[in-house]
Amino acid sequence: MLPAALCLACTTSLFSVHALAFSLDDVASQAKELLDKPYVAPASTLPNELRTLQFADYQKIKAREDNYQWADSKTPFKLSFYHQGMHFDSPVKLNEVTATSVNEIKYDPERFDFGDLKIDKGAVKDIGYAGFRVMYPINNKDHSDEIMSLLGASYFRVIGKDQVYGSSARGLAIDTALPSGEEFPYFREFWIERPKAEDKHLVIFALLDSPRATGAYRFILRPGKDAVVDVQSRVFLRDNVNKLGVAPLTSMFLYGPSQRSSKPNYRPALHDANGLAIHTGNDEHIWRPLNNPQNLAVSTFEVDNPKGFGLLQRGRDFAQYEDLDDRYEQRPSVWIEPKGDWGKGKVELVEIPTPDETNDNIVAFFTPDEQPKPGEPMEFDYRMHWTKDERAQLGKDTAWVKQTMRSAGEVKQPNLTRKLDGSIALLVDFQGPSLAKLKPDTAVTSNFSVNDNAELLDNQLQYNPATKGWRLALRFKVKDPKQAVEMRAALVEGDKTLSETWSYQLPPNTVTPQ
């Protein structure tokens, strides 16, 4: 038997080695431990004076720049923290990982400027943080910009250079859009590696928990013109779930050219993303314009080992939005690039009715056909691109849908005036280098299909000299307004596919524009 002093030395040595090699396996071990215990919901530590704050007052609580984590360090990365308040009423545990130790980042009210709020600092001294932000000089070397936010459930947002927050991501989605109700897993604890002065990336570990799942995550954040986040995940189910959402994305679509505002508005479009893009395992590129439907809508796209999917914001001209406050043209697209084989499954799109832009009403994720049994590990690794270069995921030889425009259908009368005929018109502009190099008289055609809920009245494809692309013009009448109309189209030249596939849905109960 070893002497007690020697045992203590061994323990200390082992701890140092363990801390030095802190990894996803360490977090996965904690996720497995949670798996064997009854789920315990996060307990609120929030005093009533903070719980009842109005949003405008909550915004008065500012993180003090001189008290950022690593404020005195040479690393360009800094951390600032979210104070608890309103519905952000449960603490998350935060830890700093160094080469020799793992230490909790304890709550300190001196990290905040409370403005004119009357806060009893003694009452909040141990309440913990609601979440945190990553700061980095992405736009100006002399100023720390907020480039990543982790706040609420398992939500996080990221931006690159000259971008503003828009769409969000989550760690995991469970039973989204099912009648039984959605379960929202949450990140209960984080470990952030202290970066070296020369590091161009930041490593964050997270422990996920919920009534039916636990999980371990490793994020590697790489700031730049586009922000890149590499994600490793190890998920364990406590119990069976009906629908598992991997790499879930959340966004907002209120209206745009494909669905005009029902009220006069100076802004031509209002959305964080306007389409779902999918790169299937067999190399088909799909573009699905988003809707703000009258009723909850769920669309599925079967995929085998998808190469990518994402919610994209196509359109980077200010004139497309005309919003000086919210700058929708600067909101990033989010593209998921799977690592390894994800197997057979579906990319699912959920569209929820919303009357205004304050609600995120769009959700997209991958759901595997085969889910692990409770207790079995599930591994999904992927790279996230937060980007304004939506064309990069297509490749140089594939044309894309620049825009989809919907309006009332009309016919020309003998006197050349136009008359509405109760139909719906869709105009789809395809463009890209593969089209621009073709002569206007090239025999480009469209592989077009529509389900049996539409009476197709007109289908024309015309060269568009303004974009050096082609415009598909469709006119149709809906047979059963209570059912959706589904359409697909891709441009071809002979046997060669020139464009992505436009996959459009006119939701049920759509009011015919007049």
Protein backbone atom coordinates (compact mmCIF):
# COMPACT_ATOMS: atom_id res chain seq x y z
CA MET A 1 0.00 0.00 0.00
CA LEU A 2 1.32 3.45 -0.91
CA PRO A 3 1.92 6.01 1.84
CA ALA A 4 -0.89 8.57 2.20
CA ALA A 5 1.39 11.46 1.21
CA LEU A 6 2.47 9.62 -1.92
CA CYS A 7 -1.17 8.85 -2.79
CA LEU A 8 -2.00 12.55 -2.43
CA ALA A 9 0.88 13.44 -4.73
CA CYS A 10 -0.36 10.90 -7.28
CA THR A 11 -3.86 12.36 -7.13
CA THR A 12 -2.56 15.88 -7.65
CA SER A 13 -0.43 14.74 -10.57
CA LEU A 14 -3.31 12.91 -12.18
CA PHE A 15 -5.57 15.94 -11.82
CA SER A 16 -2.99 18.16 -13.52
CA VAL A 17 -2.66 15.73 -16.41
CA HIS A 18 -6.45 15.46 -16.63
CA ALA A 19 -6.89 19.24 -16.71
CA LEU A 20 -4.15 19.60 -19.28
CA ALA A 21 -5.92 17.12 -21.54
CA PHE A 22 -9.49 18.31 -20.91
CA SER A 23 -11.52 16.97 -23.81
CA LEU A 24 -14.92 16.06 -25.14
CA ASP A 25 -14.57 12.71 -23.38
CA ASP A 26 -14.56 14.49 -20.01
CA VAL A 27 -17.85 16.19 -20.82
CA ALA A 28 -19.29 12.98 -22.28
CA SER A 29 -18.52 11.23 -18.99
CA GLN A 30 -20.59 13.84 -17.18
CA ALA A 31 -23.39 13.43 -19.74
CA LYS A 32 -23.40 9.67 -19.03
CA GLU A 33 -23.55 10.31 -15.30
CA LEU A 34 -26.59 12.54 -15.79
CA LEU A 35 -28.15 9.80 -17.89
CA ASP A 36 -28.30 7.47 -14.91
CA LYS A 37 -29.95 10.02 -12.64
CA PRO A 38 -33.49 11.41 -12.65
CA TYR A 39 -33.75 14.65 -14.60
CA VAL A 40 -33.66 17.74 -12.41
CA ALA A 41 -34.91 20.97 -13.97
CA PRO A 42 -32.69 24.03 -13.50
CA ALA A 43 -33.56 25.91 -10.34
CA SER A 44 -34.07 29.64 -10.49
CA THR A 45 -31.96 31.85 -8.22
CA LEU A 46 -33.43 35.11 -9.44
CA PRO A 47 -34.74 37.75 -7.02
CA ASN A 48 -38.19 39.08 -7.87
CA GLU A 49 -36.83 42.57 -8.62
CA LEU A 50 -34.92 41.11 -11.58
CA ARG A 51 -37.60 38.65 -12.65
CA THR A 52 -40.14 41.42 -13.20
CA LEU A 53 -37.83 43.66 -15.25
CA GLN A 54 -39.19 45.00 -18.51
CA PHE A 55 -37.03 44.41 -21.57
CA ALA A 56 -35.97 48.06 -21.78
CA ASP A 57 -34.77 47.91 -18.17
CA TYR A 58 -33.02 44.57 -18.65
CA GLN A 59 -31.07 46.14 -21.50
CA LYS A 60 -29.72 48.74 -19.09
CA ILE A 61 -27.56 46.06 -17.46
CA LYS A 62 -24.29 46.35 -19.38
CA ALA A 63 -21.16 44.25 -19.10
CA ARG A 64 -18.19 46.40 -18.09
CA GLU A 65 -15.43 46.22 -20.68
CA ASP A 66 -12.71 46.68 -18.08
CA ASN A 67 -14.01 43.58 -16.30
CA TYR A 68 -14.29 41.25 -19.29
CA GLN A 69 -12.77 37.82 -18.69
CA TRP A 70 -9.16 38.01 -19.94
CA ALA A 71 -9.38 41.83 -20.08
CA ASP A 72 -5.75 42.06 -18.96
CA SER A 73 -4.54 39.24 -21.19
CA LYS A 74 -2.84 39.61 -24.55
CA THR A 75 -5.31 37.29 -26.22
CA PRO A 76 -7.69 39.04 -28.65
CA PHE A 77 -10.53 36.91 -27.29
CA LYS A 78 -12.51 38.20 -24.29
CA LEU A 79 -15.61 36.97 -22.52
CA SER A 80 -18.47 39.08 -21.24
CA PHE A 81 -21.46 37.74 -19.37
CA TYR A 82 -25.23 37.95 -19.46
CA HIS A 83 -26.89 38.93 -16.23
CA GLN A 84 -29.97 37.04 -15.20
CA GLY A 85 -33.26 38.89 -15.65
CA MET A 86 -36.80 38.52 -17.03
CA HIS A 87 -37.23 34.97 -18.35
CA PHE A 88 -33.47 34.37 -18.26
CA ASP A 89 -33.91 33.17 -14.71
CA SER A 90 -31.67 30.12 -14.36
CA PRO A 91 -27.89 30.13 -13.97
CA VAL A 92 -25.45 28.22 -16.15
CA LYS A 93 -22.15 27.15 -14.68
CA LEU A 94 -19.09 28.59 -16.45
CA ASN A 95 -15.53 27.28 -16.14
CA GLU A 96 -12.15 28.36 -17.46
CA VAL A 97 -9.80 25.63 -18.65
CA THR A 98 -6.07 26.32 -18.55
CA ALA A 99 -3.03 24.11 -19.09
CA THR A 100 -2.99 23.23 -15.41
CA SER A 101 -6.46 23.69 -13.99
CA VAL A 102 -10.22 23.91 -14.40
CA ASN A 103 -11.72 26.77 -12.39
CA GLU A 104 -15.28 28.04 -12.09
CA ILE A 105 -15.90 31.58 -13.29
CA LYS A 106 -17.92 32.84 -10.37
CA TYR A 107 -20.54 35.56 -10.55
CA ASP A 108 -19.32 39.03 -9.70
CA PRO A 109 -21.71 42.03 -9.74
CA GLU A 110 -18.71 44.29 -10.37
CA ARG A 111 -18.61 42.94 -13.91
CA PHE A 112 -21.80 44.93 -14.66
CA ASP A 113 -22.98 48.51 -14.92
CA PHE A 114 -26.61 48.55 -13.74
CA GLY A 115 -27.31 52.07 -14.96
CA ASP A 116 -30.13 53.70 -13.00
CA LEU A 117 -31.53 50.36 -11.81
CA LYS A 118 -31.70 49.95 -8.06
CA ILE A 119 -30.14 46.52 -7.55
CA ASP A 120 -29.24 45.11 -4.16
CA LYS A 121 -25.83 43.64 -4.96
CA GLY A 122 -25.90 41.68 -1.75
CA ALA A 123 -29.04 39.86 -2.88
CA VAL A 124 -27.51 38.83 -6.20
CA LYS A 125 -23.97 38.01 -5.11
CA ASP A 126 -24.26 34.27 -5.76
CA ILE A 127 -26.94 34.00 -8.46
CA GLY A 128 -24.65 33.03 -11.35
CA TYR A 129 -24.70 34.10 -14.99
CA ALA A 130 -27.44 33.54 -17.57
CA GLY A 131 -24.96 33.02 -20.41
CA PHE A 132 -21.97 34.62 -22.08
CA ARG A 133 -20.64 36.40 -25.14
CA VAL A 134 -17.39 36.00 -27.04
CA MET A 135 -15.70 39.29 -27.90
CA TYR A 136 -13.10 39.66 -30.67
CA PRO A 137 -11.83 42.57 -32.83
CA ILE A 138 -13.44 41.33 -36.05
CA ASN A 139 -14.15 44.73 -37.69
CA ASN A 140 -11.52 46.96 -36.09
CA LYS A 141 -8.30 45.78 -34.46
CA ASP A 142 -8.72 48.34 -31.69
CA HIS A 143 -12.26 47.36 -30.68
CA SER A 144 -13.73 44.13 -29.31
CA ASP A 145 -16.87 43.14 -31.19
CA GLU A 146 -19.41 40.64 -29.98
CA ILE A 147 -19.07 37.67 -32.36
CA MET A 148 -20.85 34.86 -30.50
CA SER A 149 -23.72 34.78 -28.04
CA LEU A 150 -24.81 31.80 -25.93
CA LEU A 151 -28.02 32.53 -24.05
CA GLY A 152 -31.16 30.54 -23.35
CA ALA A 153 -31.72 26.74 -23.64
CA SER A 154 -29.10 25.51 -26.15
CA TYR A 155 -29.35 28.54 -28.47
CA PHE A 156 -26.35 30.38 -29.85
CA ARG A 157 -25.67 32.95 -32.56
CA VAL A 158 -22.46 33.81 -34.42
CA ILE A 159 -21.38 36.55 -36.83
CA GLY A 160 -18.38 37.29 -39.03
CA LYS A 161 -16.95 40.54 -40.33
CA ASP A 162 -19.55 43.20 -41.24
CA GLN A 163 -22.43 40.99 -40.13
CA VAL A 164 -25.22 41.48 -37.60
CA TYR A 165 -27.09 38.83 -35.66
CA GLY A 166 -29.89 37.05 -37.49
CA SER A 167 -30.53 33.31 -37.56
CA SER A 168 -29.72 31.16 -34.53
CA ALA A 169 -28.49 27.63 -33.96
CA ARG A 170 -29.21 25.11 -31.21
CA GLY A 171 -27.49 22.11 -29.75
CA LEU A 172 -30.44 19.75 -30.20
CA ALA A 173 -34.16 19.79 -31.00
CA ILE A 174 -36.67 17.26 -29.68
CA ASP A 175 -40.23 16.73 -30.97
CA THR A 176 -40.39 20.03 -32.83
CA ALA A 177 -43.86 20.83 -34.25
CA LEU A 178 -45.47 17.70 -32.81
CA PRO A 179 -48.87 17.84 -31.04
CA SER A 180 -47.24 16.42 -27.91
CA GLY A 181 -45.21 19.62 -27.56
CA GLU A 182 -41.53 20.41 -28.05
CA GLU A 183 -38.81 19.68 -25.51
CA PHE A 184 -36.01 22.24 -25.26
CA PRO A 185 -32.67 20.81 -24.08
CA TYR A 186 -30.41 23.35 -22.43
CA PHE A 187 -26.69 23.83 -21.90
CA ARG A 188 -26.28 23.61 -18.13
CA GLU A 189 -22.50 24.01 -17.98
CA PHE A 190 -19.69 25.37 -20.17
CA TRP A 191 -15.92 25.02 -20.15
CA ILE A 192 -13.96 27.64 -22.13
CA GLU A 193 -10.29 27.12 -22.89
CA ARG A 194 -8.17 30.14 -22.10
CA PRO A 195 -6.62 31.04 -25.48
CA LYS A 196 -2.98 31.87 -26.02
CA ALA A 197 -2.03 35.28 -27.36
CA GLU A 198 -1.37 33.87 -30.84
CA ASP A 199 -4.50 31.70 -31.02
CA LYS A 200 -6.95 32.43 -33.85
CA HIS A 201 -9.64 30.14 -32.46
CA LEU A 202 -11.54 29.59 -29.24
CA VAL A 203 -12.57 26.19 -27.83
CA ILE A 204 -15.82 25.85 -25.89
CA PHE A 205 -17.24 22.68 -24.31
CA ALA A 206 -20.88 22.36 -23.27
CA LEU A 207 -22.92 19.89 -21.25
CA LEU A 208 -26.50 19.46 -22.47
CA ASP A 209 -29.43 18.21 -20.41
CA SER A 210 -33.18 17.69 -20.79
CA PRO A 211 -35.88 15.27 -19.60
CA ARG A 212 -35.08 12.82 -22.41
CA ALA A 213 -31.51 13.56 -23.50
CA THR A 214 -28.04 14.48 -22.31
CA GLY A 215 -25.08 15.43 -24.44
CA ALA A 216 -21.52 16.68 -24.74
CA TYR A 217 -20.44 19.30 -27.27
CA ARG A 218 -17.16 20.78 -28.41
CA PHE A 219 -17.21 24.03 -30.39
CA ILE A 220 -14.16 25.50 -32.11
CA LEU A 221 -14.92 29.10 -33.08
CA ARG A 222 -12.79 30.62 -35.86
CA PRO A 223 -13.50 34.33 -36.46
CA GLY A 224 -13.02 35.86 -39.89
CA LYS A 225 -14.83 37.33 -42.87
CA ASP A 226 -17.01 34.28 -42.44
CA ALA A 227 -17.23 32.80 -38.97
CA VAL A 228 -16.63 29.05 -38.87
CA VAL A 229 -17.66 26.81 -35.98
CA ASP A 230 -16.60 23.17 -35.87
CA VAL A 231 -18.99 21.09 -33.78
CA GLN A 232 -18.49 17.68 -32.22
CA SER A 233 -21.47 16.19 -30.42
CA ARG A 234 -22.06 13.08 -28.33
CA VAL A 235 -25.73 12.67 -27.41
CA PHE A 236 -27.41 10.07 -25.18
CA LEU A 237 -31.15 9.53 -24.93
CA ARG A 238 -32.75 8.96 -21.54
CA ASP A 239 -35.94 7.80 -23.22
CA ASN A 240 -37.33 7.39 -26.71
CA VAL A 241 -38.20 10.53 -28.62
CA ASN A 242 -40.56 10.88 -31.56
CA LYS A 243 -38.40 13.24 -33.57
CA LEU A 244 -34.76 14.12 -33.05
CA GLY A 245 -33.44 17.33 -34.63
CA VAL A 246 -29.69 17.39 -35.32
CA ALA A 247 -27.88 20.69 -36.04
CA PRO A 248 -31.12 22.69 -35.70
CA LEU A 249 -31.33 26.20 -37.08
CA THR A 250 -33.92 28.86 -36.23
CA SER A 251 -34.79 31.97 -38.20
CA MET A 252 -37.50 34.49 -39.05
CA PHE A 253 -39.43 35.05 -42.26
CA LEU A 254 -42.26 37.58 -42.27
CA TYR A 255 -42.59 38.55 -45.93
CA GLY A 256 -40.71 39.19 -49.16
CA PRO A 257 -41.18 39.09 -52.95
CA SER A 258 -42.44 35.51 -52.76
CA GLN A 259 -45.09 36.56 -50.21
CA ARG A 260 -45.93 40.23 -50.01
CA SER A 261 -46.89 42.02 -46.83
CA SER A 262 -50.63 42.21 -46.23
CA LYS A 263 -50.16 45.78 -44.98
CA PRO A 264 -48.46 48.75 -46.68
CA ASN A 265 -44.81 48.84 -45.64
CA TYR A 266 -41.84 50.77 -46.98
CA ARG A 267 -39.65 47.69 -46.50
CA PRO A 268 -39.84 45.37 -49.55
CA ALA A 269 -38.75 42.38 -47.46
CA LEU A 270 -38.41 41.48 -43.81
CA HIS A 271 -36.61 38.25 -42.96
CA ASP A 272 -33.43 36.79 -41.44
CA ALA A 273 -33.43 34.09 -44.12
CA ASN A 274 -35.53 33.58 -47.22
CA GLY A 275 -34.82 29.98 -48.18
CA LEU A 276 -33.76 26.51 -47.16
CA ALA A 277 -30.87 25.13 -49.22
CA ILE A 278 -29.97 21.43 -49.31
CA HIS A 279 -27.04 19.62 -50.93
CA THR A 280 -28.10 15.99 -51.11
CA GLY A 281 -25.88 12.95 -51.04
CA ASN A 282 -26.44 12.42 -54.77
CA ASP A 283 -25.27 15.98 -55.53
CA GLU A 284 -28.63 17.61 -56.14
CA HIS A 285 -28.89 21.20 -54.91
CA ILE A 286 -32.36 22.19 -53.69
CA TRP A 287 -33.68 25.68 -52.98
CA ARG A 288 -36.93 25.98 -51.05
CA PRO A 289 -38.26 29.56 -50.65
CA LEU A 290 -39.63 30.18 -47.15
CA ASN A 291 -43.24 30.99 -46.28
CA ASN A 292 -45.09 32.65 -43.44
CA PRO A 293 -48.11 30.33 -43.68
CA GLN A 294 -51.63 30.67 -42.33
CA ASN A 295 -51.20 27.38 -40.44
CA LEU A 296 -48.27 25.37 -39.13
CA ALA A 297 -46.49 23.70 -42.06
CA VAL A 298 -43.91 20.91 -42.00
CA SER A 299 -41.97 19.91 -45.13
CA THR A 300 -39.54 17.00 -45.34
CA PHE A 301 -36.77 16.24 -47.83
CA GLU A 302 -35.40 12.71 -47.81
CA VAL A 303 -31.60 12.61 -47.94
CA ASP A 304 -28.95 9.93 -47.72
CA ASN A 305 -25.69 11.20 -46.21
CA PRO A 306 -26.44 14.90 -46.87
CA LYS A 307 -23.52 17.06 -47.93
CA GLY A 308 -25.02 20.20 -46.48
CA PHE A 309 -28.10 22.22 -45.62
CA GLY A 310 -28.82 25.66 -44.27
CA LEU A 311 -31.08 28.67 -43.90
CA LEU A 312 -29.79 31.29 -46.30
CA GLN A 313 -30.31 35.01 -46.70
CA ARG A 314 -30.10 35.56 -50.46
CA GLY A 315 -30.02 39.21 -51.40
CA ARG A 316 -27.31 41.56 -50.13
CA ASP A 317 -28.47 44.91 -51.54
CA PHE A 318 -29.76 47.45 -49.04
CA ALA A 319 -32.55 48.39 -51.49
CA GLN A 320 -34.03 44.91 -51.04
CA TYR A 321 -34.81 45.72 -47.38
CA GLU A 322 -34.56 49.51 -46.87
CA ASP A 323 -34.15 49.07 -43.11
CA LEU A 324 -31.56 51.36 -41.50
CA ASP A 325 -32.18 49.99 -38.00
CA ASP A 326 -32.10 46.22 -38.44
CA ARG A 327 -29.90 45.90 -41.54
CA TYR A 328 -31.28 42.62 -42.86
CA GLU A 329 -28.83 42.66 -45.76
CA GLN A 330 -26.02 42.12 -43.24
CA ARG A 331 -27.52 39.08 -41.52
CA PRO A 332 -25.56 35.89 -42.15
CA SER A 333 -26.68 32.73 -43.83
CA VAL A 334 -25.97 29.58 -41.81
CA TRP A 335 -24.70 26.52 -43.68
CA ILE A 336 -24.25 23.11 -42.04
CA GLU A 337 -21.51 20.91 -43.53
CA PRO A 338 -21.73 17.37 -42.10
CA LYS A 339 -18.53 15.54 -41.24
CA GLY A 340 -18.54 11.80 -41.89
CA ASP A 341 -21.61 9.79 -42.87
CA TRP A 342 -24.88 10.86 -41.29
CA GLY A 343 -26.79 8.02 -42.93
CA LYS A 344 -30.37 8.08 -44.13
CA GLY A 345 -32.73 10.69 -42.85
CA LYS A 346 -34.64 13.83 -43.67
CA VAL A 347 -34.01 17.53 -43.67
CA GLU A 348 -37.13 18.95 -42.09
CA LEU A 349 -38.46 22.48 -42.46
CA VAL A 350 -40.98 23.87 -39.98
CA GLU A 351 -42.82 27.09 -40.83
CA ILE A 352 -44.94 28.72 -38.13
CA PRO A 353 -47.41 31.57 -38.66
CA THR A 354 -46.26 34.89 -37.19
CA PRO A 355 -47.84 38.37 -37.29
CA ASP A 356 -44.58 40.25 -36.79
CA GLU A 357 -40.79 39.99 -36.86
CA THR A 358 -40.36 39.45 -33.11
CA ASN A 359 -41.01 35.70 -33.42
CA ASP A 360 -38.57 33.20 -34.86
CA ASN A 361 -40.99 31.15 -36.96
CA ILE A 362 -38.64 29.03 -39.09
CA VAL A 363 -36.85 25.86 -37.96
CA ALA A 364 -34.70 23.46 -40.01
CA PHE A 365 -32.75 20.37 -38.94
CA PHE A 366 -31.65 16.88 -39.92
CA THR A 367 -33.58 13.99 -38.40
CA PRO A 368 -32.09 10.49 -38.75
CA ASP A 369 -34.27 7.58 -39.84
CA GLU A 370 -32.73 5.38 -37.17
CA GLN A 371 -32.34 6.71 -33.66
CA PRO A 372 -30.15 5.12 -31.01
CA LYS A 373 -31.72 3.20 -28.18
CA PRO A 374 -31.76 4.95 -24.81
CA GLY A 375 -28.25 4.97 -23.36
CA GLU A 376 -26.49 4.38 -26.67
CA PRO A 377 -24.19 7.18 -27.87
CA MET A 378 -25.08 9.15 -30.99
CA GLU A 379 -22.33 11.11 -32.75
CA PHE A 380 -22.91 13.89 -35.25
CA ASP A 381 -20.00 16.18 -36.19
CA TYR A 382 -20.30 19.14 -38.53
CA ARG A 383 -18.92 22.51 -39.57
CA MET A 384 -21.05 25.65 -39.46
CA HIS A 385 -20.47 28.55 -41.86
CA TRP A 386 -21.92 31.92 -40.82
CA THR A 387 -21.52 33.68 -44.14
CA LYS A 388 -22.72 36.27 -46.63
CA ASP A 389 -21.35 34.21 -49.53
CA GLU A 390 -24.38 32.02 -50.24
CA ARG A 391 -23.01 30.92 -53.61
CA ALA A 392 -19.98 29.16 -52.16
CA GLN A 393 -21.95 26.06 -51.21
CA LEU A 394 -23.13 25.60 -54.81
CA GLY A 395 -19.83 25.34 -56.65
CA LYS A 396 -18.87 27.33 -59.73
CA ASP A 397 -20.89 25.36 -62.27
CA THR A 398 -24.34 25.51 -60.68
CA ALA A 399 -26.75 28.40 -61.25
CA TRP A 400 -29.01 29.49 -58.43
CA VAL A 401 -32.43 31.01 -57.87
CA LYS A 402 -31.89 34.74 -57.44
CA GLN A 403 -35.48 35.42 -56.47
CA THR A 404 -39.02 34.05 -56.47
CA MET A 405 -41.79 36.59 -57.02
CA ARG A 406 -45.47 35.90 -56.45
CA SER A 407 -48.34 38.05 -57.64
CA ALA A 408 -51.85 37.94 -59.01
CA GLY A 409 -52.06 36.23 -62.38
CA GLU A 410 -53.08 38.31 -65.37
CA VAL A 411 -53.71 37.95 -69.07
CA LYS A 412 -53.26 40.44 -71.92
CA GLN A 413 -56.44 41.45 -73.69
CA PRO A 414 -56.67 42.31 -77.40
CA ASN A 415 -56.24 46.00 -76.54
CA LEU A 416 -52.97 45.07 -74.71
CA THR A 417 -54.32 45.98 -71.29
CA ARG A 418 -53.80 43.40 -68.54
CA LYS A 419 -56.67 41.76 -66.74
CA LEU A 420 -56.59 39.74 -63.52
CA ASP A 421 -58.11 36.31 -64.02
CA GLY A 422 -58.12 34.90 -60.47
CA SER A 423 -54.93 32.90 -61.01
CA ILE A 424 -51.58 33.08 -59.22
CA ALA A 425 -48.37 34.02 -61.00
CA LEU A 426 -44.84 33.00 -60.04
CA LEU A 427 -41.70 34.39 -61.62
CA VAL A 428 -38.44 32.62 -60.84
CA ASP A 429 -35.11 34.19 -61.83
CA PHE A 430 -32.16 31.81 -62.30
CA GLN A 431 -28.69 33.24 -62.68
CA GLY A 432 -25.02 32.31 -62.36
CA PRO A 433 -21.80 31.93 -64.33
CA SER A 434 -22.98 28.74 -65.99
CA LEU A 435 -25.89 30.68 -67.51
CA ALA A 436 -24.06 33.95 -68.17
CA LYS A 437 -21.64 32.24 -70.56
CA LEU A 438 -24.48 30.86 -72.70
CA LYS A 439 -25.82 32.68 -75.75
CA PRO A 440 -29.36 34.08 -75.40
CA ASP A 441 -30.66 31.66 -78.02
CA THR A 442 -29.24 28.57 -76.28
CA ALA A 443 -31.82 25.80 -76.01
CA VAL A 444 -32.28 26.05 -72.23
CA THR A 445 -35.37 24.29 -70.93
CA SER A 446 -36.88 23.65 -67.51
CA ASN A 447 -37.54 20.28 -65.93
CA PHE A 448 -40.82 21.32 -64.34
CA SER A 449 -43.33 19.37 -62.30
CA VAL A 450 -46.39 20.25 -60.20
CA ASN A 451 -48.73 18.21 -58.06
CA ASP A 452 -52.35 17.63 -59.03
CA ASN A 453 -53.71 20.47 -56.89
CA ALA A 454 -52.95 23.08 -59.54
CA GLU A 455 -54.38 23.82 -62.98
CA LEU A 456 -51.35 25.08 -64.90
CA LEU A 457 -52.36 27.88 -67.27
CA ASP A 458 -48.98 29.13 -68.46
CA ASN A 459 -45.37 27.92 -68.32
CA GLN A 460 -42.76 30.03 -70.10
CA LEU A 461 -38.97 30.20 -69.91
CA GLN A 462 -37.35 33.38 -71.21
CA TYR A 463 -33.80 34.75 -71.42
CA ASN A 464 -33.31 37.64 -68.99
CA PRO A 465 -30.82 40.15 -70.46
CA ALA A 466 -30.74 42.16 -67.22
CA THR A 467 -29.21 39.25 -65.26
CA LYS A 468 -27.82 37.20 -68.16
CA GLY A 469 -29.90 34.39 -66.77
CA TRP A 470 -33.31 32.89 -67.43
CA ARG A 471 -36.76 33.68 -66.00
CA LEU A 472 -39.38 30.99 -65.49
CA ALA A 473 -42.93 32.44 -65.58
CA LEU A 474 -45.79 30.30 -64.28
CA ARG A 475 -49.50 30.96 -63.96
CA PHE A 476 -51.93 28.57 -62.30
CA LYS A 477 -55.17 28.18 -60.38
CA VAL A 478 -55.47 26.25 -57.13
CA LYS A 479 -58.00 23.42 -57.22
CA ASP A 480 -58.43 22.84 -53.48
CA PRO A 481 -57.45 25.89 -51.36
CA LYS A 482 -57.24 23.69 -48.27
CA GLN A 483 -54.34 21.74 -49.78
CA ALA A 484 -50.80 22.82 -50.68
CA VAL A 485 -49.47 23.22 -54.20
CA GLU A 486 -46.00 21.74 -54.73
CA MET A 487 -43.76 22.66 -57.67
CA ARG A 488 -40.23 21.82 -58.76
CA ALA A 489 -38.08 23.16 -61.58
CA ALA A 490 -34.45 23.02 -62.68
CA LEU A 491 -32.83 24.43 -65.81
CA VAL A 492 -31.20 22.01 -68.24
CA GLU A 493 -29.43 22.08 -71.57
CA GLY A 494 -29.97 18.71 -73.15
CA ASP A 495 -28.81 16.16 -70.58
CA LYS A 496 -26.82 18.69 -68.58
CA THR A 497 -28.30 20.18 -65.40
CA LEU A 498 -27.48 23.89 -65.20
CA SER A 499 -29.10 24.98 -61.95
CA GLU A 500 -30.18 24.01 -58.50
CA THR A 501 -33.70 22.64 -58.11
CA TRP A 502 -36.33 25.21 -57.20
CA SER A 503 -38.71 23.44 -54.80
CA TYR A 504 -41.72 25.63 -54.08
CA GLN A 505 -44.73 25.22 -51.85
CA LEU A 506 -47.83 27.39 -51.93
CA PRO A 507 -49.30 26.74 -48.46
CA PRO A 508 -52.94 25.84 -47.87
CA ASN A 509 -55.41 28.69 -47.40
CA THR A 510 -53.21 31.14 -49.28
CA VAL A 511 -55.13 34.26 -50.19
CA THR A 512 -54.92 34.91 -53.91
CA PRO A 513 -53.21 38.30 -54.40
CA GLN A 514 -55.25 40.95 -56.16
